[in-house]
Amino acid sequence: MLLNADLHCHSTVSDGWLTPAEVVRRAAANGVELLALTDHDEVGGIDEAETTARECGITLVPGVEISVTFRDETIHVVGLGIDHRNVLLLEGLVQVRSGRELRAQAMSDALDAVGLHGVLEGARRFARNPALVGRAHFARHIVATGLMPDVATVFRYYLARGKPGFVPHVWARLEDAVGWIRAAGGIAVIAHPGRYRLSASDMEALFDSFAACGGEALEVVSGAHAESDVQRFASVARRRGLLASRASDFHGSSESPVDLGRCDPLPPDLVPVWSRLRAAAPAADLHP
């Protein structure tokens, strides 16, 4: 790997622990050369991140991670190299965010019914962006109460599908999310595919639908992936001619298994997505 690229991470604009400027500074300290800030359904941190990236001498790729519903599963699609002021993209993200407050209240009501009281108020104290109160903020509050030792345990007992605090929600359609990213001049990437509870046939249908609406890339290396996942999705990228992305999906040092810039390199025979990101990041040498 000639370039230390980390193309998926989060700030306090969505559910990360660090501000956009702090994310960029940490990435720079870790030797990251090409960084994408990809907050959930929100692009409000990109200007701050770009300013700090110039100060730190690294290149920032404007990005976003859009929540999608596909066959009753929540899928995340990352957009890289976007124009974060594009009107169609911004209008689409407003639509996606609009249901979050109702979902948060429903989650709080469900947890109240099993004896966890005042969770929404607690979650709001962990959410720097009041429009993006999500499951991670709920989990952090529950950890802070001392009931559970860490966020992963909270999800396992309370917030995962089938648990008391899980509330199903319909997000954007796959074709809409990819369309918004493409309208903003970006490349659409399926994020951390190893996390999705889809059957083999549904996973193939996801890749078919993604390609049909203009999706171009796949996160092969992710902080959420084991080595077996890397090999599996490297094979998918080869077979389907998809560009390959590398990402930590960093949220914070206490929650993320991989720090910024510290995930494994891409398998060398794949075409990295950053080979197509010259226009978004002209200061970097993006040759694979």
C-alpha atoms as a PDB file:
ATOM      1  CA  MET A   1       0.000   0.000   0.000  1.00  0.00           C
ATOM      2  CA  LEU A   2       1.614   3.242  -1.160  1.00  0.00           C
ATOM      3  CA  LEU A   3      -1.097   5.497   0.235  1.00  0.00           C
ATOM      4  CA  ASN A   4      -2.503   5.483   3.757  1.00  0.00           C
ATOM      5  CA  ALA A   5      -6.150   6.102   2.902  1.00  0.00           C
ATOM      6  CA  ASP A   6      -8.990   5.917   5.415  1.00  0.00           C
ATOM      7  CA  LEU A   7     -12.272   6.530   3.636  1.00  0.00           C
ATOM      8  CA  HIS A   8     -14.978   6.121   6.277  1.00  0.00           C
ATOM      9  CA  CYS A   9     -15.092   7.714   9.735  1.00  0.00           C
ATOM     10  CA  HIS A  10     -17.403   9.754  11.951  1.00  0.00           C
ATOM     11  CA  SER A  11     -17.407  12.929  14.016  1.00  0.00           C
ATOM     12  CA  THR A  12     -19.693  14.564  16.566  1.00  0.00           C
ATOM     13  CA  VAL A  13     -21.803  15.763  13.638  1.00  0.00           C
ATOM     14  CA  SER A  14     -23.289  12.253  13.716  1.00  0.00           C
ATOM     15  CA  ASP A  15     -22.260   9.589  16.261  1.00  0.00           C
ATOM     16  CA  GLY A  16     -18.504  10.003  16.610  1.00  0.00           C
ATOM     17  CA  TRP A  17     -16.779  11.115  19.805  1.00  0.00           C
ATOM     18  CA  LEU A  18     -14.444  13.708  18.214  1.00  0.00           C
ATOM     19  CA  THR A  19     -15.223  16.965  16.434  1.00  0.00           C
ATOM     20  CA  PRO A  20     -14.424  17.092  12.708  1.00  0.00           C
ATOM     21  CA  ALA A  21     -11.216  19.026  13.447  1.00  0.00           C
ATOM     22  CA  GLU A  22     -10.185  16.501  16.107  1.00  0.00           C
ATOM     23  CA  VAL A  23     -10.831  13.599  13.720  1.00  0.00           C
ATOM     24  CA  VAL A  24      -8.564  15.166  11.106  1.00  0.00           C
ATOM     25  CA  ARG A  25      -5.803  15.901  13.615  1.00  0.00           C
ATOM     26  CA  ARG A  26      -5.893  12.343  14.941  1.00  0.00           C
ATOM     27  CA  ALA A  27      -5.777  10.978  11.398  1.00  0.00           C
ATOM     28  CA  ALA A  28      -2.802  13.178  10.558  1.00  0.00           C
ATOM     29  CA  ALA A  29      -0.992  12.060  13.721  1.00  0.00           C
ATOM     30  CA  ASN A  30      -1.566   8.441  12.651  1.00  0.00           C
ATOM     31  CA  GLY A  31      -0.026   9.033   9.241  1.00  0.00           C
ATOM     32  CA  VAL A  32      -3.235   9.149   7.207  1.00  0.00           C
ATOM     33  CA  GLU A  33      -2.655  10.876   3.868  1.00  0.00           C
ATOM     34  CA  LEU A  34      -6.166  10.668   2.413  1.00  0.00           C
ATOM     35  CA  LEU A  35      -9.164  10.898   4.721  1.00  0.00           C
ATOM     36  CA  ALA A  36     -12.917  10.868   4.097  1.00  0.00           C
ATOM     37  CA  LEU A  37     -15.241  12.213   6.766  1.00  0.00           C
ATOM     38  CA  THR A  38     -18.501  10.293   6.259  1.00  0.00           C
ATOM     39  CA  ASP A  39     -21.000  11.224   8.930  1.00  0.00           C
ATOM     40  CA  HIS A  40     -24.374   9.505   8.980  1.00  0.00           C
ATOM     41  CA  ASP A  41     -26.896  11.297   6.748  1.00  0.00           C
ATOM     42  CA  GLU A  42     -25.167  14.628   7.368  1.00  0.00           C
ATOM     43  CA  VAL A  43     -22.442  16.740   5.734  1.00  0.00           C
ATOM     44  CA  GLY A  44     -22.284  19.538   8.283  1.00  0.00           C
ATOM     45  CA  GLY A  45     -18.732  18.750   9.414  1.00  0.00           C
ATOM     46  CA  ILE A  46     -16.989  18.825   6.059  1.00  0.00           C
ATOM     47  CA  ASP A  47     -16.063  22.513   5.961  1.00  0.00           C
ATOM     48  CA  GLU A  48     -14.407  22.327   9.377  1.00  0.00           C
ATOM     49  CA  ALA A  49     -12.627  19.117   8.397  1.00  0.00           C
ATOM     50  CA  GLU A  50     -11.351  20.614   5.131  1.00  0.00           C
ATOM     51  CA  THR A  51      -9.931  23.658   6.932  1.00  0.00           C
ATOM     52  CA  THR A  52      -8.132  21.470   9.461  1.00  0.00           C
ATOM     53  CA  ALA A  53      -6.883  19.098   6.755  1.00  0.00           C
ATOM     54  CA  ARG A  54      -5.198  22.005   4.981  1.00  0.00           C
ATOM     55  CA  GLU A  55      -3.567  23.014   8.270  1.00  0.00           C
ATOM     56  CA  CYS A  56      -2.367  19.442   8.873  1.00  0.00           C
ATOM     57  CA  GLY A  57      -1.177  18.844   5.316  1.00  0.00           C
ATOM     58  CA  ILE A  58      -3.426  15.892   4.527  1.00  0.00           C
ATOM     59  CA  THR A  59      -6.093  15.594   1.853  1.00  0.00           C
ATOM     60  CA  LEU A  60      -9.752  15.385   2.770  1.00  0.00           C
ATOM     61  CA  VAL A  61     -12.338  13.695   0.558  1.00  0.00           C
ATOM     62  CA  PRO A  62     -15.835  15.090   1.236  1.00  0.00           C
ATOM     63  CA  GLY A  63     -18.080  12.179   2.116  1.00  0.00           C
ATOM     64  CA  VAL A  64     -21.311  10.975   3.669  1.00  0.00           C
ATOM     65  CA  GLU A  65     -22.829   7.675   4.847  1.00  0.00           C
ATOM     66  CA  ILE A  66     -26.470   7.270   3.876  1.00  0.00           C
ATOM     67  CA  SER A  67     -28.861   4.925   5.686  1.00  0.00           C
ATOM     68  CA  VAL A  68     -30.747   2.629   3.290  1.00  0.00           C
ATOM     69  CA  THR A  69     -33.395  -0.035   3.751  1.00  0.00           C
ATOM     70  CA  PHE A  70     -32.934  -3.107   1.537  1.00  0.00           C
ATOM     71  CA  ARG A  71     -35.091  -6.205   2.071  1.00  0.00           C
ATOM     72  CA  ASP A  72     -35.831  -5.185   5.673  1.00  0.00           C
ATOM     73  CA  GLU A  73     -32.136  -4.768   6.498  1.00  0.00           C
ATOM     74  CA  THR A  74     -30.417  -1.446   7.151  1.00  0.00           C
ATOM     75  CA  ILE A  75     -27.596  -0.974   4.664  1.00  0.00           C
ATOM     76  CA  HIS A  76     -25.114   1.891   4.638  1.00  0.00           C
ATOM     77  CA  VAL A  77     -23.909   3.479   1.404  1.00  0.00           C
ATOM     78  CA  VAL A  78     -20.896   5.778   1.575  1.00  0.00           C
ATOM     79  CA  GLY A  79     -20.559   8.606  -0.918  1.00  0.00           C
ATOM     80  CA  LEU A  80     -16.977   9.700  -1.666  1.00  0.00           C
ATOM     81  CA  GLY A  81     -15.840  12.819  -3.484  1.00  0.00           C
ATOM     82  CA  ILE A  82     -19.226  14.487  -3.211  1.00  0.00           C
ATOM     83  CA  ASP A  83     -20.097  18.126  -3.669  1.00  0.00           C
ATOM     84  CA  HIS A  84     -21.462  18.549  -0.154  1.00  0.00           C
ATOM     85  CA  ARG A  85     -23.419  21.639  -1.227  1.00  0.00           C
ATOM     86  CA  ASN A  86     -25.356  19.832  -3.951  1.00  0.00           C
ATOM     87  CA  VAL A  87     -29.047  20.664  -3.537  1.00  0.00           C
ATOM     88  CA  LEU A  88     -30.384  17.237  -4.512  1.00  0.00           C
ATOM     89  CA  LEU A  89     -28.075  15.514  -2.028  1.00  0.00           C
ATOM     90  CA  LEU A  90     -28.946  17.933   0.762  1.00  0.00           C
ATOM     91  CA  GLU A  91     -32.674  17.542   0.166  1.00  0.00           C
ATOM     92  CA  GLY A  92     -32.299  13.771   0.224  1.00  0.00           C
ATOM     93  CA  LEU A  93     -30.391  13.839   3.506  1.00  0.00           C
ATOM     94  CA  VAL A  94     -33.110  15.995   5.076  1.00  0.00           C
ATOM     95  CA  GLN A  95     -35.623  13.311   4.110  1.00  0.00           C
ATOM     96  CA  VAL A  96     -33.511  10.576   5.678  1.00  0.00           C
ATOM     97  CA  ARG A  97     -32.977  12.504   8.912  1.00  0.00           C
ATOM     98  CA  SER A  98     -36.644  13.436   9.275  1.00  0.00           C
ATOM     99  CA  GLY A  99     -37.682  10.115  10.840  1.00  0.00           C
ATOM    100  CA  ARG A 100     -34.927   9.949  13.436  1.00  0.00           C
ATOM    101  CA  GLU A 101     -36.715  11.881  16.202  1.00  0.00           C
ATOM    102  CA  LEU A 102     -39.809   9.673  15.994  1.00  0.00           C
ATOM    103  CA  ARG A 103     -37.616   6.559  16.063  1.00  0.00           C
ATOM    104  CA  ALA A 104     -35.687   7.878  19.071  1.00  0.00           C
ATOM    105  CA  GLN A 105     -38.908   8.498  21.004  1.00  0.00           C
ATOM    106  CA  ALA A 106     -40.201   5.030  20.122  1.00  0.00           C
ATOM    107  CA  MET A 107     -36.918   3.463  21.285  1.00  0.00           C
ATOM    108  CA  SER A 108     -37.116   5.366  24.547  1.00  0.00           C
ATOM    109  CA  ASP A 109     -40.711   4.270  25.112  1.00  0.00           C
ATOM    110  CA  ALA A 110     -39.776   0.642  24.454  1.00  0.00           C
ATOM    111  CA  LEU A 111     -36.860   0.781  26.884  1.00  0.00           C
ATOM    112  CA  ASP A 112     -39.041   2.504  29.483  1.00  0.00           C
ATOM    113  CA  ALA A 113     -41.412  -0.452  29.275  1.00  0.00           C
ATOM    114  CA  VAL A 114     -38.616  -2.823  30.375  1.00  0.00           C
ATOM    115  CA  GLY A 115     -37.458  -0.609  33.229  1.00  0.00           C
ATOM    116  CA  LEU A 116     -34.890   1.706  31.609  1.00  0.00           C
ATOM    117  CA  HIS A 117     -36.280   5.167  32.286  1.00  0.00           C
ATOM    118  CA  GLY A 118     -35.274   8.562  30.900  1.00  0.00           C
ATOM    119  CA  VAL A 119     -33.045   7.063  28.208  1.00  0.00           C
ATOM    120  CA  LEU A 120     -33.887   9.586  25.486  1.00  0.00           C
ATOM    121  CA  GLU A 121     -32.976  12.513  27.721  1.00  0.00           C
ATOM    122  CA  GLY A 122     -29.726  10.774  28.575  1.00  0.00           C
ATOM    123  CA  ALA A 123     -28.991   9.980  24.930  1.00  0.00           C
ATOM    124  CA  ARG A 124     -29.474  13.621  23.973  1.00  0.00           C
ATOM    125  CA  ARG A 125     -26.656  14.585  26.334  1.00  0.00           C
ATOM    126  CA  PHE A 126     -24.298  12.457  24.225  1.00  0.00           C
ATOM    127  CA  ALA A 127     -25.535  13.806  20.874  1.00  0.00           C
ATOM    128  CA  ARG A 128     -23.806  17.002  19.780  1.00  0.00           C
ATOM    129  CA  ASN A 129     -26.171  17.177  16.790  1.00  0.00           C
ATOM    130  CA  PRO A 130     -29.768  17.143  18.107  1.00  0.00           C
ATOM    131  CA  ALA A 131     -31.085  16.078  14.696  1.00  0.00           C
ATOM    132  CA  LEU A 132     -29.067  12.860  14.812  1.00  0.00           C
ATOM    133  CA  VAL A 133     -29.837  11.078  18.061  1.00  0.00           C
ATOM    134  CA  GLY A 134     -29.132   7.438  17.270  1.00  0.00           C
ATOM    135  CA  ARG A 135     -28.618   4.046  18.842  1.00  0.00           C
ATOM    136  CA  ALA A 136     -24.986   4.801  19.680  1.00  0.00           C
ATOM    137  CA  HIS A 137     -26.075   7.727  21.857  1.00  0.00           C
ATOM    138  CA  PHE A 138     -28.608   5.517  23.634  1.00  0.00           C
ATOM    139  CA  ALA A 139     -25.899   2.925  24.220  1.00  0.00           C
ATOM    140  CA  ARG A 140     -23.443   5.486  25.595  1.00  0.00           C
ATOM    141  CA  HIS A 141     -26.006   6.747  28.073  1.00  0.00           C
ATOM    142  CA  ILE A 142     -26.764   3.206  29.275  1.00  0.00           C
ATOM    143  CA  VAL A 143     -23.037   2.532  29.729  1.00  0.00           C
ATOM    144  CA  ALA A 144     -22.718   5.794  31.677  1.00  0.00           C
ATOM    145  CA  THR A 145     -25.419   4.625  34.099  1.00  0.00           C
ATOM    146  CA  GLY A 146     -23.269   1.610  34.952  1.00  0.00           C
ATOM    147  CA  LEU A 147     -25.855  -0.921  33.806  1.00  0.00           C
ATOM    148  CA  MET A 148     -23.678  -2.304  31.008  1.00  0.00           C
ATOM    149  CA  PRO A 149     -19.882  -2.376  30.599  1.00  0.00           C
ATOM    150  CA  ASP A 150     -19.624  -1.171  27.016  1.00  0.00           C
ATOM    151  CA  VAL A 151     -21.554  -0.120  23.930  1.00  0.00           C
ATOM    152  CA  ALA A 152     -21.290  -3.520  22.234  1.00  0.00           C
ATOM    153  CA  THR A 153     -22.950  -5.194  25.222  1.00  0.00           C
ATOM    154  CA  VAL A 154     -25.774  -2.651  25.216  1.00  0.00           C
ATOM    155  CA  PHE A 155     -26.467  -3.400  21.571  1.00  0.00           C
ATOM    156  CA  ARG A 156     -26.410  -7.123  22.222  1.00  0.00           C
ATOM    157  CA  TYR A 157     -28.907  -6.946  25.093  1.00  0.00           C
ATOM    158  CA  TYR A 158     -31.107  -3.993  24.218  1.00  0.00           C
ATOM    159  CA  LEU A 159     -30.658  -2.391  20.792  1.00  0.00           C
ATOM    160  CA  ALA A 160     -30.052  -5.113  18.199  1.00  0.00           C
ATOM    161  CA  ARG A 161     -32.879  -6.534  16.094  1.00  0.00           C
ATOM    162  CA  GLY A 162     -35.216  -8.588  18.268  1.00  0.00           C
ATOM    163  CA  LYS A 163     -34.172  -6.868  21.505  1.00  0.00           C
ATOM    164  CA  PRO A 164     -36.409  -4.603  23.624  1.00  0.00           C
ATOM    165  CA  GLY A 165     -35.112  -1.259  22.355  1.00  0.00           C
ATOM    166  CA  PHE A 166     -34.913  -2.089  18.662  1.00  0.00           C
ATOM    167  CA  VAL A 167     -37.376  -0.106  16.572  1.00  0.00           C
ATOM    168  CA  PRO A 168     -37.562  -0.905  12.856  1.00  0.00           C
ATOM    169  CA  HIS A 169     -37.306   2.073  10.578  1.00  0.00           C
ATOM    170  CA  VAL A 170     -37.572   2.557   6.826  1.00  0.00           C
ATOM    171  CA  TRP A 171     -34.649   4.590   5.507  1.00  0.00           C
ATOM    172  CA  ALA A 172     -33.863   5.715   1.958  1.00  0.00           C
ATOM    173  CA  ARG A 173     -34.258   3.459  -1.050  1.00  0.00           C
ATOM    174  CA  LEU A 174     -30.982   2.144  -2.459  1.00  0.00           C
ATOM    175  CA  GLU A 175     -31.560   3.747  -5.853  1.00  0.00           C
ATOM    176  CA  ASP A 176     -32.302   7.106  -4.252  1.00  0.00           C
ATOM    177  CA  ALA A 177     -29.177   7.101  -2.081  1.00  0.00           C
ATOM    178  CA  VAL A 178     -26.925   6.147  -4.992  1.00  0.00           C
ATOM    179  CA  GLY A 179     -28.687   8.715  -7.178  1.00  0.00           C
ATOM    180  CA  TRP A 180     -28.064  11.521  -4.681  1.00  0.00           C
ATOM    181  CA  ILE A 181     -24.385  10.588  -4.446  1.00  0.00           C
ATOM    182  CA  ARG A 182     -23.983  10.487  -8.212  1.00  0.00           C
ATOM    183  CA  ALA A 183     -25.870  13.775  -8.629  1.00  0.00           C
ATOM    184  CA  ALA A 184     -23.309  15.300  -6.245  1.00  0.00           C
ATOM    185  CA  GLY A 185     -20.449  13.988  -8.388  1.00  0.00           C
ATOM    186  CA  GLY A 186     -19.484  11.233  -5.972  1.00  0.00           C
ATOM    187  CA  ILE A 187     -18.725   7.527  -6.038  1.00  0.00           C
ATOM    188  CA  ALA A 188     -21.147   5.237  -4.186  1.00  0.00           C
ATOM    189  CA  VAL A 189     -19.592   2.545  -1.955  1.00  0.00           C
ATOM    190  CA  ILE A 190     -21.319  -0.270  -0.052  1.00  0.00           C
ATOM    191  CA  ALA A 191     -20.017   0.133   3.502  1.00  0.00           C
ATOM    192  CA  HIS A 192     -18.867  -2.817   5.708  1.00  0.00           C
ATOM    193  CA  PRO A 193     -20.809  -5.540   3.849  1.00  0.00           C
ATOM    194  CA  GLY A 194     -19.694  -8.150   6.364  1.00  0.00           C
ATOM    195  CA  ARG A 195     -22.055  -6.636   8.950  1.00  0.00           C
ATOM    196  CA  TYR A 196     -25.291  -7.280   7.069  1.00  0.00           C
ATOM    197  CA  ARG A 197     -27.533 -10.171   8.015  1.00  0.00           C
ATOM    198  CA  LEU A 198     -28.496 -11.039   4.474  1.00  0.00           C
ATOM    199  CA  SER A 199     -28.683 -14.487   2.958  1.00  0.00           C
ATOM    200  CA  ALA A 200     -26.270 -15.316   0.162  1.00  0.00           C
ATOM    201  CA  SER A 201     -29.001 -14.766  -2.410  1.00  0.00           C
ATOM    202  CA  ASP A 202     -30.059 -11.448  -0.857  1.00  0.00           C
ATOM    203  CA  MET A 203     -26.439 -10.300  -0.784  1.00  0.00           C
ATOM    204  CA  GLU A 204     -26.111 -11.057  -4.486  1.00  0.00           C
ATOM    205  CA  ALA A 205     -29.362  -9.188  -5.086  1.00  0.00           C
ATOM    206  CA  LEU A 206     -27.918  -6.216  -3.185  1.00  0.00           C
ATOM    207  CA  PHE A 207     -24.845  -6.153  -5.413  1.00  0.00           C
ATOM    208  CA  ASP A 208     -27.012  -6.526  -8.530  1.00  0.00           C
ATOM    209  CA  SER A 209     -29.289  -3.646  -7.512  1.00  0.00           C
ATOM    210  CA  PHE A 210     -26.337  -1.488  -6.443  1.00  0.00           C
ATOM    211  CA  ALA A 211     -24.608  -1.895  -9.804  1.00  0.00           C
ATOM    212  CA  ALA A 212     -27.844  -1.352 -11.715  1.00  0.00           C
ATOM    213  CA  CYS A 213     -28.374   2.071 -10.149  1.00  0.00           C
ATOM    214  CA  GLY A 214     -24.780   3.205 -10.628  1.00  0.00           C
ATOM    215  CA  GLY A 215     -22.904   1.998  -7.535  1.00  0.00           C
ATOM    216  CA  GLU A 216     -19.214   1.491  -8.191  1.00  0.00           C
ATOM    217  CA  ALA A 217     -17.291   0.414  -5.087  1.00  0.00           C
ATOM    218  CA  LEU A 218     -17.198  -1.878  -2.076  1.00  0.00           C
ATOM    219  CA  GLU A 219     -15.512  -1.586   1.315  1.00  0.00           C
ATOM    220  CA  VAL A 220     -13.267  -4.619   1.207  1.00  0.00           C
ATOM    221  CA  VAL A 221     -11.161  -3.625   4.205  1.00  0.00           C
ATOM    222  CA  SER A 222     -13.177  -2.292   7.142  1.00  0.00           C
ATOM    223  CA  GLY A 223     -12.714  -1.980  10.860  1.00  0.00           C
ATOM    224  CA  ALA A 224     -15.747  -4.274  11.106  1.00  0.00           C
ATOM    225  CA  HIS A 225     -14.203  -7.021   8.937  1.00  0.00           C
ATOM    226  CA  ALA A 226     -12.303 -10.116   9.924  1.00  0.00           C
ATOM    227  CA  GLU A 227      -9.661 -11.474   7.551  1.00  0.00           C
ATOM    228  CA  SER A 228     -12.219 -13.939   6.190  1.00  0.00           C
ATOM    229  CA  ASP A 229     -14.497 -11.005   5.320  1.00  0.00           C
ATOM    230  CA  VAL A 230     -11.646  -9.244   3.522  1.00  0.00           C
ATOM    231  CA  GLN A 231     -11.001 -12.312   1.382  1.00  0.00           C
ATOM    232  CA  ARG A 232     -14.699 -12.832   0.702  1.00  0.00           C
ATOM    233  CA  PHE A 233     -15.365  -9.276  -0.429  1.00  0.00           C
ATOM    234  CA  ALA A 234     -12.101  -9.001  -2.316  1.00  0.00           C
ATOM    235  CA  SER A 235     -13.428 -11.902  -4.376  1.00  0.00           C
ATOM    236  CA  VAL A 236     -16.723 -10.062  -4.880  1.00  0.00           C
ATOM    237  CA  ALA A 237     -14.883  -6.929  -6.032  1.00  0.00           C
ATOM    238  CA  ARG A 238     -12.826  -8.938  -8.535  1.00  0.00           C
ATOM    239  CA  ARG A 239     -15.799 -10.845  -9.869  1.00  0.00           C
ATOM    240  CA  ARG A 240     -18.011  -7.797 -10.232  1.00  0.00           C
ATOM    241  CA  GLY A 241     -15.382  -5.282 -11.310  1.00  0.00           C
ATOM    242  CA  LEU A 242     -15.978  -3.037  -8.301  1.00  0.00           C
ATOM    243  CA  LEU A 243     -13.505  -0.507  -6.983  1.00  0.00           C
ATOM    244  CA  ALA A 244     -12.194  -1.400  -3.521  1.00  0.00           C
ATOM    245  CA  SER A 245     -12.224   0.875  -0.479  1.00  0.00           C
ATOM    246  CA  ARG A 246     -10.269   0.782   2.778  1.00  0.00           C
ATOM    247  CA  ALA A 247     -11.773   2.237   5.930  1.00  0.00           C
ATOM    248  CA  SER A 248     -11.619   2.107   9.711  1.00  0.00           C
ATOM    249  CA  ASP A 249     -15.227   3.255  10.332  1.00  0.00           C
ATOM    250  CA  PHE A 250     -13.703   5.061  13.320  1.00  0.00           C
ATOM    251  CA  HIS A 251     -16.091   6.526  15.897  1.00  0.00           C
ATOM    252  CA  GLY A 252     -13.806   6.894  18.899  1.00  0.00           C
ATOM    253  CA  SER A 253     -10.901   5.201  20.622  1.00  0.00           C
ATOM    254  CA  SER A 254     -13.120   3.594  23.271  1.00  0.00           C
ATOM    255  CA  GLU A 255     -15.563   2.049  20.776  1.00  0.00           C
ATOM    256  CA  SER A 256     -13.765   1.333  17.521  1.00  0.00           C
ATOM    257  CA  PRO A 257     -11.658  -1.808  17.066  1.00  0.00           C
ATOM    258  CA  VAL A 258      -9.402  -0.061  14.529  1.00  0.00           C
ATOM    259  CA  ASP A 259      -7.938   3.426  14.830  1.00  0.00           C
ATOM    260  CA  LEU A 260      -7.795   5.926  11.981  1.00  0.00           C
ATOM    261  CA  GLY A 261      -5.376   4.782   9.285  1.00  0.00           C
ATOM    262  CA  ARG A 262      -4.538   1.520  11.072  1.00  0.00           C
ATOM    263  CA  CYS A 263      -6.622  -1.012   9.155  1.00  0.00           C
ATOM    264  CA  ASP A 264      -5.002  -3.585   6.887  1.00  0.00           C
ATOM    265  CA  PRO A 265      -3.953  -2.724   3.326  1.00  0.00           C
ATOM    266  CA  LEU A 266      -6.102  -3.699   0.374  1.00  0.00           C
ATOM    267  CA  PRO A 267      -5.188  -6.886  -1.457  1.00  0.00           C
ATOM    268  CA  PRO A 268      -2.739  -5.671  -4.122  1.00  0.00           C
ATOM    269  CA  ASP A 269      -4.629  -6.903  -7.180  1.00  0.00           C
ATOM    270  CA  LEU A 270      -7.721  -4.762  -6.493  1.00  0.00           C
ATOM    271  CA  VAL A 271      -8.366  -1.343  -8.021  1.00  0.00           C
ATOM    272  CA  PRO A 272      -8.546   1.140  -5.127  1.00  0.00           C
ATOM    273  CA  VAL A 273     -11.379   3.611  -5.138  1.00  0.00           C
ATOM    274  CA  TRP A 274      -8.915   6.458  -4.562  1.00  0.00           C
ATOM    275  CA  SER A 275      -7.586   5.919  -8.076  1.00  0.00           C
ATOM    276  CA  ARG A 276     -10.829   7.614  -9.158  1.00  0.00           C
ATOM    277  CA  LEU A 277     -10.730  10.459  -6.624  1.00  0.00           C
ATOM    278  CA  ARG A 278      -8.303  12.863  -8.265  1.00  0.00           C
ATOM    279  CA  ALA A 279     -10.914  15.594  -8.755  1.00  0.00           C
ATOM    280  CA  ALA A 280     -12.031  15.349  -5.130  1.00  0.00           C
ATOM    281  CA  ALA A 281      -8.495  15.396  -3.751  1.00  0.00           C
ATOM    282  CA  PRO A 282      -6.105  17.022  -6.226  1.00  0.00           C
ATOM    283  CA  ALA A 283      -3.366  17.512  -3.669  1.00  0.00           C
ATOM    284  CA  ALA A 284      -2.716  13.792  -3.205  1.00  0.00           C
ATOM    285  CA  ASP A 285      -0.927  11.307  -5.387  1.00  0.00           C
ATOM    286  CA  LEU A 286      -3.734   8.795  -5.689  1.00  0.00           C
ATOM    287  CA  HIS A 287      -2.026   6.177  -7.831  1.00  0.00           C
ATOM    288  CA  PRO A 288      -2.693   2.661  -6.484  1.00  0.00           C
END
